[in-house]
Amino acid sequence: MADLAEIRTRAQGCTACPLNETRTQVVFGRGNPAASIVLVGEGPGRDEDREGLPFVGAAGQLLDKILAAVGLGEQDVFITNTVLCRPPGNRVPLPAEMEACRVHREAILGAMDPPIVVLLGATALKAVFGPKAGITAMRGERIERDGRAYYPTFHPAALLRDPSRKRPVWHDFRRIVADYHVIQAASAQGDATGSSSPVPGGGESR
C-alpha cells in the first residue's frame, strides 16, 4: 500500500478534474500522518490555496480552538478535505469534482487506517455516504463502516455563520475524544497482550 508521501505526489500531479486549472497548489493535509483521528472538510479556500495547508483561515482557527478545548493537538489528528484543490470563489465542490478526488481521499484513509473519521459538514458527509445524506439529520451520530467510526458534525464555517451550532459541535467532539481515549487504552492493552484495538462502541452505532 502507498504511504502518504506517495499519495501526496500523485495528488500534486492530478489533472482529473478542472480544478487543477485554477488551483495555486494542491492542499493535501496537515497533522500527524500516524494519527488515529482524521478530520475531513469541504475544500481549500483562498488562504489554504495560498499556503498549501488545510484549515488555516478563520474556520481553521476555530477548529484548532475546538480541538484544543477537548484536549487534542496536531499530534492527535490529521486534517484533509473532500477535494484537495480550491473550487473557484470558494464554492461548494461539484459532484464530479468530489468523485475525481475520491481516489485520493480513499488512499489517505487506506494508508492511515484511522479508527475515527470526523466528517466536517455536508460535503464531506455526502462524499462518504451519498448525495441523500443530510448533515442536520445525521449530525451527532456514530456510523460504523469498514472497521471505522464516522462522526458527522457541522463544519466550523457554519459555526461562524450561526454560533448556536457551537454547542452541538462541542458535544460531538467531547464524544469523539472520549472514544479516542478508549482506543488509546485498548491499544496500550493490545500492545501488552498482542491483540488489536477495537472500534469504539462495541460494534453499535447511535
N, C-alpha and C. Protein backbone atom coordinates (compact mmCIF):
# COMPACT_ATOMS: atom_id res chain seq x y z
N MET A 1 0.84 -1.21 0.00
CA MET A 1 0.00 0.00 0.00
C MET A 1 0.88 1.25 0.00
N ALA A 2 0.48 2.27 -0.75
CA ALA A 2 1.25 3.50 -0.83
C ALA A 2 1.23 4.22 0.51
N ASP A 3 2.33 4.92 0.82
CA ASP A 3 2.34 5.75 2.02
C ASP A 3 1.87 7.15 1.65
N LEU A 4 1.75 8.03 2.66
CA LEU A 4 1.19 9.35 2.40
C LEU A 4 2.07 10.17 1.47
N ALA A 5 3.38 9.98 1.52
CA ALA A 5 4.27 10.73 0.64
C ALA A 5 3.99 10.39 -0.83
N GLU A 6 3.78 9.12 -1.12
CA GLU A 6 3.46 8.71 -2.49
C GLU A 6 2.10 9.26 -2.91
N ILE A 7 1.12 9.19 -1.99
CA ILE A 7 -0.21 9.68 -2.31
C ILE A 7 -0.18 11.18 -2.56
N ARG A 8 0.59 11.91 -1.75
CA ARG A 8 0.74 13.35 -1.95
C ARG A 8 1.33 13.66 -3.32
N THR A 9 2.35 12.90 -3.71
CA THR A 9 2.99 13.13 -5.01
C THR A 9 2.00 12.91 -6.15
N ARG A 10 1.20 11.84 -6.05
CA ARG A 10 0.20 11.59 -7.09
C ARG A 10 -0.84 12.70 -7.13
N ALA A 11 -1.27 13.15 -5.96
CA ALA A 11 -2.27 14.22 -5.91
C ALA A 11 -1.75 15.51 -6.50
N GLN A 12 -0.48 15.80 -6.26
CA GLN A 12 0.10 17.03 -6.77
C GLN A 12 0.15 17.06 -8.29
N GLY A 13 0.18 15.89 -8.91
CA GLY A 13 0.19 15.83 -10.37
C GLY A 13 -1.17 15.54 -10.97
N CYS A 14 -2.21 15.57 -10.14
CA CYS A 14 -3.54 15.17 -10.61
C CYS A 14 -4.16 16.22 -11.53
N THR A 15 -4.71 15.75 -12.64
CA THR A 15 -5.45 16.62 -13.57
C THR A 15 -6.81 16.00 -13.89
N ALA A 16 -7.37 15.26 -12.93
CA ALA A 16 -8.59 14.50 -13.18
C ALA A 16 -9.84 15.37 -13.28
N CYS A 17 -9.79 16.60 -12.79
CA CYS A 17 -10.94 17.50 -12.91
C CYS A 17 -10.45 18.91 -13.19
N PRO A 18 -11.33 19.81 -13.61
CA PRO A 18 -10.90 21.16 -13.99
C PRO A 18 -10.33 22.01 -12.86
N LEU A 19 -10.47 21.58 -11.61
CA LEU A 19 -9.93 22.38 -10.51
C LEU A 19 -8.41 22.53 -10.61
N ASN A 20 -7.75 21.58 -11.30
CA ASN A 20 -6.30 21.69 -11.44
C ASN A 20 -5.90 22.91 -12.27
N GLU A 21 -6.84 23.43 -13.07
CA GLU A 21 -6.52 24.57 -13.94
C GLU A 21 -6.54 25.90 -13.20
N THR A 22 -7.20 25.94 -12.05
CA THR A 22 -7.34 27.21 -11.33
C THR A 22 -6.64 27.21 -9.97
N ARG A 23 -6.16 26.06 -9.53
CA ARG A 23 -5.51 25.99 -8.22
C ARG A 23 -4.14 26.66 -8.25
N THR A 24 -3.72 27.17 -7.11
CA THR A 24 -2.33 27.58 -6.94
C THR A 24 -1.47 26.37 -6.62
N GLN A 25 -2.01 25.52 -5.74
CA GLN A 25 -1.31 24.28 -5.38
C GLN A 25 -2.31 23.30 -4.79
N VAL A 26 -1.92 22.04 -4.74
CA VAL A 26 -2.73 21.02 -4.10
C VAL A 26 -2.60 21.18 -2.59
N VAL A 27 -3.72 21.14 -1.89
CA VAL A 27 -3.74 21.26 -0.43
C VAL A 27 -4.00 19.86 0.12
N PHE A 28 -2.96 19.19 0.54
CA PHE A 28 -3.05 17.76 0.84
C PHE A 28 -3.54 17.49 2.26
N GLY A 29 -2.88 18.02 3.25
CA GLY A 29 -3.28 17.76 4.63
C GLY A 29 -2.26 18.33 5.60
N ARG A 30 -2.65 18.32 6.86
CA ARG A 30 -1.72 18.71 7.93
C ARG A 30 -2.01 17.90 9.18
N GLY A 31 -1.01 17.75 10.01
CA GLY A 31 -1.16 16.99 11.23
C GLY A 31 -0.26 15.77 11.24
N ASN A 32 -0.62 14.80 12.07
CA ASN A 32 0.18 13.62 12.29
C ASN A 32 -0.23 12.51 11.33
N PRO A 33 0.66 12.07 10.43
CA PRO A 33 0.29 11.02 9.48
C PRO A 33 0.04 9.67 10.12
N ALA A 34 0.35 9.55 11.42
CA ALA A 34 0.06 8.31 12.14
C ALA A 34 -1.10 8.48 13.12
N ALA A 35 -1.87 9.56 12.96
CA ALA A 35 -2.95 9.87 13.90
C ALA A 35 -4.08 8.84 13.82
N SER A 36 -4.80 8.68 14.94
CA SER A 36 -5.97 7.81 14.98
C SER A 36 -7.24 8.54 14.57
N ILE A 37 -7.18 9.86 14.45
CA ILE A 37 -8.34 10.67 14.07
C ILE A 37 -8.02 11.42 12.78
N VAL A 38 -8.85 11.23 11.76
CA VAL A 38 -8.75 12.02 10.53
C VAL A 38 -9.99 12.88 10.42
N LEU A 39 -9.78 14.18 10.21
CA LEU A 39 -10.88 15.11 10.00
C LEU A 39 -10.93 15.48 8.53
N VAL A 40 -12.13 15.40 7.93
CA VAL A 40 -12.30 15.68 6.50
C VAL A 40 -13.25 16.86 6.35
N GLY A 41 -12.78 17.93 5.74
CA GLY A 41 -13.60 19.10 5.50
C GLY A 41 -14.14 19.13 4.09
N GLU A 42 -14.39 20.35 3.58
CA GLU A 42 -15.01 20.51 2.27
C GLU A 42 -13.96 20.67 1.17
N GLY A 43 -13.29 21.80 1.16
CA GLY A 43 -12.27 22.08 0.16
C GLY A 43 -11.45 23.28 0.57
N PRO A 44 -10.29 23.45 -0.02
CA PRO A 44 -9.45 24.59 0.34
C PRO A 44 -10.11 25.91 -0.04
N GLY A 45 -9.86 26.93 0.78
CA GLY A 45 -10.25 28.29 0.45
C GLY A 45 -9.07 29.09 -0.05
N ARG A 46 -9.23 30.39 -0.09
CA ARG A 46 -8.16 31.25 -0.60
C ARG A 46 -6.88 31.13 0.23
N ASP A 47 -7.02 31.19 1.55
CA ASP A 47 -5.84 31.12 2.41
C ASP A 47 -5.15 29.77 2.28
N GLU A 48 -5.95 28.71 2.21
CA GLU A 48 -5.39 27.37 2.10
C GLU A 48 -4.69 27.17 0.76
N ASP A 49 -5.28 27.69 -0.30
CA ASP A 49 -4.69 27.59 -1.63
C ASP A 49 -3.36 28.33 -1.69
N ARG A 50 -3.28 29.42 -0.97
CA ARG A 50 -2.04 30.20 -0.95
C ARG A 50 -0.96 29.52 -0.11
N GLU A 51 -1.34 28.97 1.04
CA GLU A 51 -0.35 28.42 1.96
C GLU A 51 -0.08 26.93 1.75
N GLY A 52 -1.01 26.24 1.06
CA GLY A 52 -0.82 24.82 0.82
C GLY A 52 -1.17 23.93 1.99
N LEU A 53 -1.93 24.47 2.96
CA LEU A 53 -2.34 23.71 4.13
C LEU A 53 -3.84 23.88 4.35
N PRO A 54 -4.55 22.83 4.77
CA PRO A 54 -5.99 22.96 5.01
C PRO A 54 -6.30 23.64 6.33
N PHE A 55 -7.43 24.32 6.37
CA PHE A 55 -7.95 24.91 7.60
C PHE A 55 -6.95 25.85 8.26
N VAL A 56 -6.53 26.86 7.53
CA VAL A 56 -5.64 27.87 8.10
C VAL A 56 -6.31 29.24 8.18
N GLY A 57 -7.53 29.37 7.63
CA GLY A 57 -8.27 30.62 7.70
C GLY A 57 -9.08 30.70 8.98
N ALA A 58 -10.12 31.52 8.98
CA ALA A 58 -10.93 31.73 10.17
C ALA A 58 -11.58 30.43 10.66
N ALA A 59 -12.11 29.63 9.73
CA ALA A 59 -12.72 28.35 10.12
C ALA A 59 -11.68 27.41 10.72
N GLY A 60 -10.49 27.43 10.16
CA GLY A 60 -9.42 26.58 10.68
C GLY A 60 -8.98 27.00 12.07
N GLN A 61 -8.93 28.31 12.30
CA GLN A 61 -8.57 28.78 13.63
C GLN A 61 -9.60 28.36 14.66
N LEU A 62 -10.88 28.39 14.27
CA LEU A 62 -11.92 27.92 15.18
C LEU A 62 -11.79 26.42 15.41
N LEU A 63 -11.52 25.66 14.36
CA LEU A 63 -11.34 24.23 14.51
C LEU A 63 -10.20 23.93 15.47
N ASP A 64 -9.10 24.63 15.35
CA ASP A 64 -7.97 24.40 16.25
C ASP A 64 -8.35 24.70 17.70
N LYS A 65 -9.18 25.73 17.91
CA LYS A 65 -9.64 26.05 19.26
C LYS A 65 -10.54 24.95 19.82
N ILE A 66 -11.40 24.41 18.97
CA ILE A 66 -12.27 23.31 19.40
C ILE A 66 -11.44 22.10 19.79
N LEU A 67 -10.47 21.76 18.95
CA LEU A 67 -9.61 20.61 19.24
C LEU A 67 -8.85 20.82 20.55
N ALA A 68 -8.30 22.02 20.72
CA ALA A 68 -7.55 22.30 21.95
C ALA A 68 -8.45 22.22 23.17
N ALA A 69 -9.69 22.67 23.02
CA ALA A 69 -10.63 22.68 24.16
C ALA A 69 -10.97 21.28 24.64
N VAL A 70 -10.91 20.29 23.74
CA VAL A 70 -11.19 18.91 24.15
C VAL A 70 -9.90 18.12 24.35
N GLY A 71 -8.78 18.81 24.34
CA GLY A 71 -7.51 18.17 24.65
C GLY A 71 -6.81 17.50 23.50
N LEU A 72 -7.16 17.87 22.27
CA LEU A 72 -6.50 17.31 21.10
C LEU A 72 -5.58 18.34 20.47
N GLY A 73 -4.39 17.91 20.10
CA GLY A 73 -3.45 18.77 19.39
C GLY A 73 -3.16 18.23 18.02
N GLU A 74 -2.29 18.90 17.28
CA GLU A 74 -1.98 18.47 15.92
C GLU A 74 -1.33 17.10 15.90
N GLN A 75 -0.74 16.69 17.01
CA GLN A 75 -0.14 15.35 17.08
C GLN A 75 -1.20 14.26 17.14
N ASP A 76 -2.44 14.63 17.46
CA ASP A 76 -3.51 13.63 17.62
C ASP A 76 -4.37 13.47 16.38
N VAL A 77 -4.27 14.37 15.42
CA VAL A 77 -5.18 14.37 14.29
C VAL A 77 -4.44 14.58 12.97
N PHE A 78 -5.12 14.20 11.89
CA PHE A 78 -4.69 14.56 10.53
C PHE A 78 -5.90 15.20 9.87
N ILE A 79 -5.69 16.35 9.24
CA ILE A 79 -6.79 17.14 8.67
C ILE A 79 -6.62 17.22 7.16
N THR A 80 -7.68 16.88 6.43
CA THR A 80 -7.66 16.98 4.98
C THR A 80 -9.04 17.45 4.51
N ASN A 81 -9.30 17.37 3.22
CA ASN A 81 -10.56 17.86 2.67
C ASN A 81 -11.15 16.88 1.66
N THR A 82 -12.42 17.08 1.33
CA THR A 82 -13.09 16.26 0.33
C THR A 82 -12.45 16.43 -1.03
N VAL A 83 -12.14 17.67 -1.41
CA VAL A 83 -11.35 17.93 -2.61
C VAL A 83 -10.07 18.64 -2.19
N LEU A 84 -8.99 18.37 -2.89
CA LEU A 84 -7.68 18.88 -2.49
C LEU A 84 -7.27 20.14 -3.24
N CYS A 85 -8.13 20.62 -4.14
CA CYS A 85 -7.87 21.86 -4.88
C CYS A 85 -9.01 22.84 -4.61
N ARG A 86 -8.69 24.11 -4.60
CA ARG A 86 -9.69 25.13 -4.29
C ARG A 86 -10.71 25.28 -5.41
N PRO A 87 -12.00 25.15 -5.11
CA PRO A 87 -13.03 25.50 -6.10
C PRO A 87 -13.05 27.02 -6.29
N PRO A 88 -13.21 27.49 -7.51
CA PRO A 88 -13.23 28.93 -7.76
C PRO A 88 -14.27 29.65 -6.90
N GLY A 89 -13.85 30.76 -6.30
CA GLY A 89 -14.76 31.55 -5.49
C GLY A 89 -15.19 30.86 -4.21
N ASN A 90 -14.46 29.81 -3.82
CA ASN A 90 -14.78 29.05 -2.60
C ASN A 90 -16.17 28.41 -2.66
N ARG A 91 -16.65 28.13 -3.88
CA ARG A 91 -17.96 27.47 -3.99
C ARG A 91 -17.87 26.04 -3.50
N VAL A 92 -19.05 25.43 -3.29
CA VAL A 92 -19.12 24.02 -2.91
C VAL A 92 -18.60 23.15 -4.06
N PRO A 93 -17.79 22.16 -3.77
CA PRO A 93 -17.31 21.28 -4.85
C PRO A 93 -18.46 20.60 -5.59
N LEU A 94 -18.31 20.47 -6.89
CA LEU A 94 -19.31 19.79 -7.70
C LEU A 94 -19.20 18.27 -7.49
N PRO A 95 -20.30 17.54 -7.70
CA PRO A 95 -20.24 16.08 -7.53
C PRO A 95 -19.12 15.43 -8.36
N ALA A 96 -18.92 15.90 -9.58
CA ALA A 96 -17.86 15.32 -10.42
C ALA A 96 -16.48 15.58 -9.84
N GLU A 97 -16.30 16.75 -9.22
CA GLU A 97 -15.02 17.08 -8.59
C GLU A 97 -14.79 16.21 -7.36
N MET A 98 -15.85 16.01 -6.59
CA MET A 98 -15.74 15.14 -5.41
C MET A 98 -15.41 13.71 -5.82
N GLU A 99 -16.03 13.26 -6.90
CA GLU A 99 -15.77 11.91 -7.36
C GLU A 99 -14.35 11.76 -7.90
N ALA A 100 -13.87 12.79 -8.60
CA ALA A 100 -12.50 12.74 -9.13
C ALA A 100 -11.47 12.67 -8.01
N CYS A 101 -11.78 13.31 -6.87
CA CYS A 101 -10.84 13.34 -5.75
C CYS A 101 -11.02 12.14 -4.82
N ARG A 102 -12.03 11.32 -5.08
CA ARG A 102 -12.28 10.18 -4.21
C ARG A 102 -11.05 9.28 -4.10
N VAL A 103 -10.34 9.08 -5.20
CA VAL A 103 -9.19 8.19 -5.19
C VAL A 103 -8.15 8.65 -4.17
N HIS A 104 -7.98 9.98 -4.04
CA HIS A 104 -7.00 10.49 -3.08
C HIS A 104 -7.51 10.36 -1.64
N ARG A 105 -8.80 10.69 -1.43
CA ARG A 105 -9.36 10.55 -0.08
C ARG A 105 -9.28 9.11 0.40
N GLU A 106 -9.68 8.18 -0.46
CA GLU A 106 -9.68 6.78 -0.06
C GLU A 106 -8.26 6.26 0.13
N ALA A 107 -7.32 6.78 -0.66
CA ALA A 107 -5.92 6.37 -0.50
C ALA A 107 -5.37 6.86 0.84
N ILE A 108 -5.73 8.08 1.22
CA ILE A 108 -5.28 8.61 2.52
C ILE A 108 -5.82 7.75 3.66
N LEU A 109 -7.13 7.46 3.61
CA LEU A 109 -7.72 6.65 4.67
C LEU A 109 -7.18 5.23 4.65
N GLY A 110 -6.93 4.71 3.46
CA GLY A 110 -6.38 3.36 3.37
C GLY A 110 -4.98 3.27 3.92
N ALA A 111 -4.17 4.29 3.66
CA ALA A 111 -2.79 4.29 4.15
C ALA A 111 -2.73 4.50 5.66
N MET A 112 -3.59 5.37 6.17
CA MET A 112 -3.56 5.69 7.60
C MET A 112 -4.38 4.69 8.43
N ASP A 113 -5.46 4.18 7.85
CA ASP A 113 -6.37 3.25 8.52
C ASP A 113 -6.79 3.77 9.90
N PRO A 114 -7.34 4.98 9.96
CA PRO A 114 -7.71 5.54 11.27
C PRO A 114 -9.00 4.91 11.79
N PRO A 115 -9.10 4.66 13.09
CA PRO A 115 -10.34 4.14 13.64
C PRO A 115 -11.45 5.18 13.72
N ILE A 116 -11.08 6.48 13.69
CA ILE A 116 -12.05 7.56 13.81
C ILE A 116 -11.90 8.52 12.63
N VAL A 117 -13.02 8.81 11.95
CA VAL A 117 -13.04 9.81 10.87
C VAL A 117 -14.15 10.81 11.19
N VAL A 118 -13.79 12.07 11.28
CA VAL A 118 -14.76 13.13 11.57
C VAL A 118 -15.08 13.82 10.25
N LEU A 119 -16.36 13.84 9.90
CA LEU A 119 -16.82 14.45 8.65
C LEU A 119 -17.36 15.84 8.98
N LEU A 120 -16.62 16.85 8.55
CA LEU A 120 -16.94 18.24 8.88
C LEU A 120 -17.83 18.83 7.80
N GLY A 121 -19.14 18.78 8.03
CA GLY A 121 -20.07 19.44 7.12
C GLY A 121 -20.70 18.53 6.10
N ALA A 122 -21.65 19.11 5.36
CA ALA A 122 -22.47 18.35 4.42
C ALA A 122 -21.67 17.75 3.28
N THR A 123 -20.69 18.49 2.77
CA THR A 123 -19.94 18.00 1.62
C THR A 123 -19.17 16.73 1.96
N ALA A 124 -18.47 16.74 3.09
CA ALA A 124 -17.71 15.56 3.49
C ALA A 124 -18.65 14.39 3.76
N LEU A 125 -19.79 14.67 4.38
CA LEU A 125 -20.76 13.61 4.66
C LEU A 125 -21.27 12.98 3.37
N LYS A 126 -21.66 13.81 2.40
CA LYS A 126 -22.17 13.29 1.13
C LYS A 126 -21.11 12.53 0.35
N ALA A 127 -19.86 12.94 0.47
CA ALA A 127 -18.79 12.26 -0.24
C ALA A 127 -18.64 10.82 0.23
N VAL A 128 -18.92 10.57 1.50
CA VAL A 128 -18.77 9.23 2.06
C VAL A 128 -20.08 8.43 2.00
N PHE A 129 -21.21 9.07 2.33
CA PHE A 129 -22.47 8.34 2.49
C PHE A 129 -23.50 8.63 1.40
N GLY A 130 -23.12 9.40 0.39
CA GLY A 130 -24.00 9.59 -0.74
C GLY A 130 -24.76 10.90 -0.72
N PRO A 131 -25.31 11.31 -1.87
CA PRO A 131 -25.90 12.64 -2.01
C PRO A 131 -27.15 12.86 -1.17
N LYS A 132 -27.81 11.81 -0.71
CA LYS A 132 -29.02 11.98 0.09
C LYS A 132 -28.72 12.15 1.58
N ALA A 133 -27.48 11.98 1.99
CA ALA A 133 -27.12 12.12 3.40
C ALA A 133 -27.22 13.59 3.80
N GLY A 134 -27.89 13.84 4.92
CA GLY A 134 -28.09 15.22 5.38
C GLY A 134 -27.38 15.47 6.69
N ILE A 135 -26.61 16.54 6.74
CA ILE A 135 -25.81 16.82 7.93
C ILE A 135 -26.68 17.16 9.14
N THR A 136 -27.78 17.86 8.94
CA THR A 136 -28.63 18.21 10.08
C THR A 136 -29.24 16.96 10.70
N ALA A 137 -29.66 16.02 9.87
CA ALA A 137 -30.27 14.79 10.38
C ALA A 137 -29.25 13.84 10.98
N MET A 138 -28.04 13.79 10.42
CA MET A 138 -27.06 12.78 10.82
C MET A 138 -26.01 13.29 11.79
N ARG A 139 -25.97 14.60 11.99
CA ARG A 139 -25.00 15.16 12.93
C ARG A 139 -25.20 14.55 14.33
N GLY A 140 -24.08 14.19 14.94
CA GLY A 140 -24.14 13.62 16.27
C GLY A 140 -24.19 12.11 16.30
N GLU A 141 -24.34 11.46 15.14
CA GLU A 141 -24.35 10.00 15.09
C GLU A 141 -22.93 9.46 15.03
N ARG A 142 -22.78 8.22 15.42
CA ARG A 142 -21.56 7.47 15.15
C ARG A 142 -21.95 6.36 14.19
N ILE A 143 -21.34 6.34 13.02
CA ILE A 143 -21.72 5.41 11.97
C ILE A 143 -20.52 4.52 11.67
N GLU A 144 -20.68 3.23 11.85
CA GLU A 144 -19.55 2.31 11.67
C GLU A 144 -19.59 1.69 10.28
N ARG A 145 -18.46 1.79 9.61
CA ARG A 145 -18.33 1.22 8.26
C ARG A 145 -16.86 0.90 8.02
N ASP A 146 -16.61 -0.24 7.42
CA ASP A 146 -15.25 -0.64 7.04
C ASP A 146 -14.29 -0.62 8.23
N GLY A 147 -14.80 -0.97 9.41
CA GLY A 147 -13.93 -1.03 10.57
C GLY A 147 -13.58 0.33 11.16
N ARG A 148 -14.28 1.38 10.71
CA ARG A 148 -14.03 2.72 11.23
C ARG A 148 -15.31 3.30 11.79
N ALA A 149 -15.17 4.26 12.69
CA ALA A 149 -16.30 5.01 13.21
C ALA A 149 -16.28 6.40 12.58
N TYR A 150 -17.38 6.75 11.88
CA TYR A 150 -17.52 8.06 11.24
C TYR A 150 -18.44 8.93 12.10
N TYR A 151 -18.01 10.18 12.30
CA TYR A 151 -18.76 11.12 13.12
C TYR A 151 -19.08 12.37 12.29
N PRO A 152 -20.29 12.50 11.77
CA PRO A 152 -20.66 13.74 11.07
C PRO A 152 -20.92 14.86 12.08
N THR A 153 -20.41 16.04 11.78
CA THR A 153 -20.71 17.22 12.59
C THR A 153 -20.67 18.44 11.69
N PHE A 154 -21.08 19.59 12.23
CA PHE A 154 -21.12 20.79 11.41
C PHE A 154 -19.71 21.29 11.10
N HIS A 155 -19.56 21.87 9.93
CA HIS A 155 -18.29 22.48 9.53
C HIS A 155 -18.03 23.72 10.38
N PRO A 156 -16.79 23.98 10.75
CA PRO A 156 -16.50 25.20 11.54
C PRO A 156 -17.00 26.48 10.89
N ALA A 157 -17.01 26.54 9.56
CA ALA A 157 -17.52 27.75 8.90
C ALA A 157 -18.99 27.97 9.21
N ALA A 158 -19.75 26.87 9.38
CA ALA A 158 -21.16 27.00 9.74
C ALA A 158 -21.32 27.59 11.13
N LEU A 159 -20.38 27.31 12.01
CA LEU A 159 -20.41 27.86 13.36
C LEU A 159 -20.15 29.36 13.35
N LEU A 160 -19.30 29.80 12.43
CA LEU A 160 -19.03 31.23 12.31
C LEU A 160 -20.27 31.98 11.82
N ARG A 161 -21.07 31.31 10.96
CA ARG A 161 -22.30 31.93 10.47
C ARG A 161 -23.43 31.83 11.49
N ASP A 162 -23.44 30.75 12.27
CA ASP A 162 -24.54 30.50 13.20
C ASP A 162 -23.95 29.99 14.52
N PRO A 163 -23.62 30.88 15.44
CA PRO A 163 -22.99 30.47 16.70
C PRO A 163 -23.82 29.50 17.53
N SER A 164 -25.13 29.41 17.28
CA SER A 164 -25.95 28.47 18.05
C SER A 164 -25.56 27.02 17.78
N ARG A 165 -24.81 26.78 16.73
CA ARG A 165 -24.38 25.42 16.41
C ARG A 165 -23.12 25.01 17.18
N LYS A 166 -22.53 25.93 17.90
CA LYS A 166 -21.30 25.60 18.62
C LYS A 166 -21.54 24.55 19.70
N ARG A 167 -22.67 24.67 20.41
CA ARG A 167 -22.93 23.72 21.50
C ARG A 167 -23.04 22.28 21.01
N PRO A 168 -23.85 21.99 19.96
CA PRO A 168 -23.89 20.60 19.50
C PRO A 168 -22.54 20.09 19.01
N VAL A 169 -21.76 20.95 18.37
CA VAL A 169 -20.44 20.52 17.90
C VAL A 169 -19.53 20.22 19.10
N TRP A 170 -19.66 21.02 20.15
CA TRP A 170 -18.90 20.78 21.37
C TRP A 170 -19.24 19.39 21.93
N HIS A 171 -20.53 19.06 21.96
CA HIS A 171 -20.93 17.73 22.43
C HIS A 171 -20.39 16.64 21.53
N ASP A 172 -20.40 16.87 20.21
CA ASP A 172 -19.86 15.89 19.27
C ASP A 172 -18.39 15.61 19.55
N PHE A 173 -17.62 16.66 19.73
CA PHE A 173 -16.18 16.48 19.92
C PHE A 173 -15.86 15.89 21.29
N ARG A 174 -16.69 16.16 22.28
CA ARG A 174 -16.48 15.51 23.57
C ARG A 174 -16.69 13.99 23.45
N ARG A 175 -17.67 13.60 22.65
CA ARG A 175 -17.89 12.17 22.43
C ARG A 175 -16.73 11.57 21.64
N ILE A 176 -16.29 12.29 20.62
CA ILE A 176 -15.18 11.80 19.79
C ILE A 176 -13.94 11.58 20.63
N VAL A 177 -13.61 12.55 21.48
CA VAL A 177 -12.39 12.42 22.28
C VAL A 177 -12.54 11.33 23.33
N ALA A 178 -13.77 11.12 23.83
CA ALA A 178 -13.99 10.01 24.77
C ALA A 178 -13.73 8.67 24.09
N ASP A 179 -14.22 8.52 22.86
CA ASP A 179 -13.96 7.29 22.11
C ASP A 179 -12.48 7.14 21.78
N TYR A 180 -11.84 8.26 21.50
CA TYR A 180 -10.40 8.26 21.22
C TYR A 180 -9.62 7.73 22.42
N HIS A 181 -10.01 8.15 23.62
CA HIS A 181 -9.33 7.67 24.82
C HIS A 181 -9.56 6.17 25.03
N VAL A 182 -10.74 5.69 24.65
CA VAL A 182 -11.00 4.25 24.72
C VAL A 182 -10.05 3.51 23.79
N ILE A 183 -9.86 4.05 22.59
CA ILE A 183 -8.96 3.42 21.62
C ILE A 183 -7.53 3.42 22.13
N GLN A 184 -7.11 4.56 22.71
CA GLN A 184 -5.75 4.63 23.25
C GLN A 184 -5.53 3.58 24.34
N ALA A 185 -6.52 3.45 25.23
CA ALA A 185 -6.40 2.48 26.31
C ALA A 185 -6.36 1.06 25.77
N ALA A 186 -7.25 0.78 24.79
CA ALA A 186 -7.28 -0.56 24.20
C ALA A 186 -5.99 -0.86 23.44
N SER A 187 -5.44 0.18 22.79
CA SER A 187 -4.20 -0.01 22.06
C SER A 187 -3.05 -0.32 23.00
N ALA A 188 -3.02 0.39 24.13
CA ALA A 188 -1.99 0.13 25.13
C ALA A 188 -2.10 -1.28 25.69
N GLN A 189 -3.34 -1.71 25.92
CA GLN A 189 -3.56 -3.07 26.41
C GLN A 189 -3.20 -4.09 25.35
N GLY A 190 -3.53 -3.77 24.09
CA GLY A 190 -3.19 -4.67 23.00
C GLY A 190 -1.70 -4.83 22.81
N ASP A 191 -0.97 -3.72 23.00
CA ASP A 191 0.49 -3.79 22.90
C ASP A 191 1.05 -4.74 23.96
N ALA A 192 0.37 -4.77 25.12
CA ALA A 192 0.85 -5.62 26.20
C ALA A 192 0.48 -7.07 25.98
N THR A 193 -0.69 -7.30 25.32
CA THR A 193 -1.18 -8.67 25.15
C THR A 193 -1.00 -9.22 23.75
N GLY A 194 -0.70 -8.30 22.79
CA GLY A 194 -0.55 -8.72 21.40
C GLY A 194 -1.83 -8.74 20.62
N SER A 195 -2.94 -8.23 21.20
CA SER A 195 -4.23 -8.17 20.49
C SER A 195 -4.41 -6.81 19.87
N SER A 196 -5.36 -6.69 18.94
CA SER A 196 -5.62 -5.42 18.26
C SER A 196 -6.71 -4.66 18.98
N SER A 197 -6.75 -3.32 18.78
CA SER A 197 -7.75 -2.49 19.44
C SER A 197 -9.03 -2.44 18.62
N PRO A 198 -10.22 -2.43 19.27
CA PRO A 198 -11.48 -2.43 18.56
C PRO A 198 -11.91 -1.03 18.18
N VAL A 199 -12.89 -0.97 17.26
CA VAL A 199 -13.57 0.29 17.02
C VAL A 199 -14.38 0.61 18.28
N PRO A 200 -14.39 1.89 18.72
CA PRO A 200 -15.13 2.22 19.94
C PRO A 200 -16.62 1.93 19.79
N GLY A 201 -17.23 1.55 20.91
CA GLY A 201 -18.68 1.37 20.90
C GLY A 201 -19.13 -0.07 20.77
N GLY A 202 -18.18 -0.99 20.66
CA GLY A 202 -18.55 -2.40 20.65
C GLY A 202 -19.39 -2.81 19.47
N GLY A 203 -19.23 -2.13 18.30
CA GLY A 203 -19.95 -2.51 17.10
C GLY A 203 -21.34 -1.93 17.00
N GLU A 204 -21.70 -1.02 17.87
CA GLU A 204 -23.02 -0.41 17.83
C GLU A 204 -22.91 1.02 17.36
N SER A 205 -23.90 1.49 16.62
CA SER A 205 -23.96 2.89 16.20
C SER A 205 -25.21 3.51 16.76
N ARG A 206 -25.18 4.81 16.94
CA ARG A 206 -26.27 5.51 17.59
C ARG A 206 -27.20 6.13 16.56
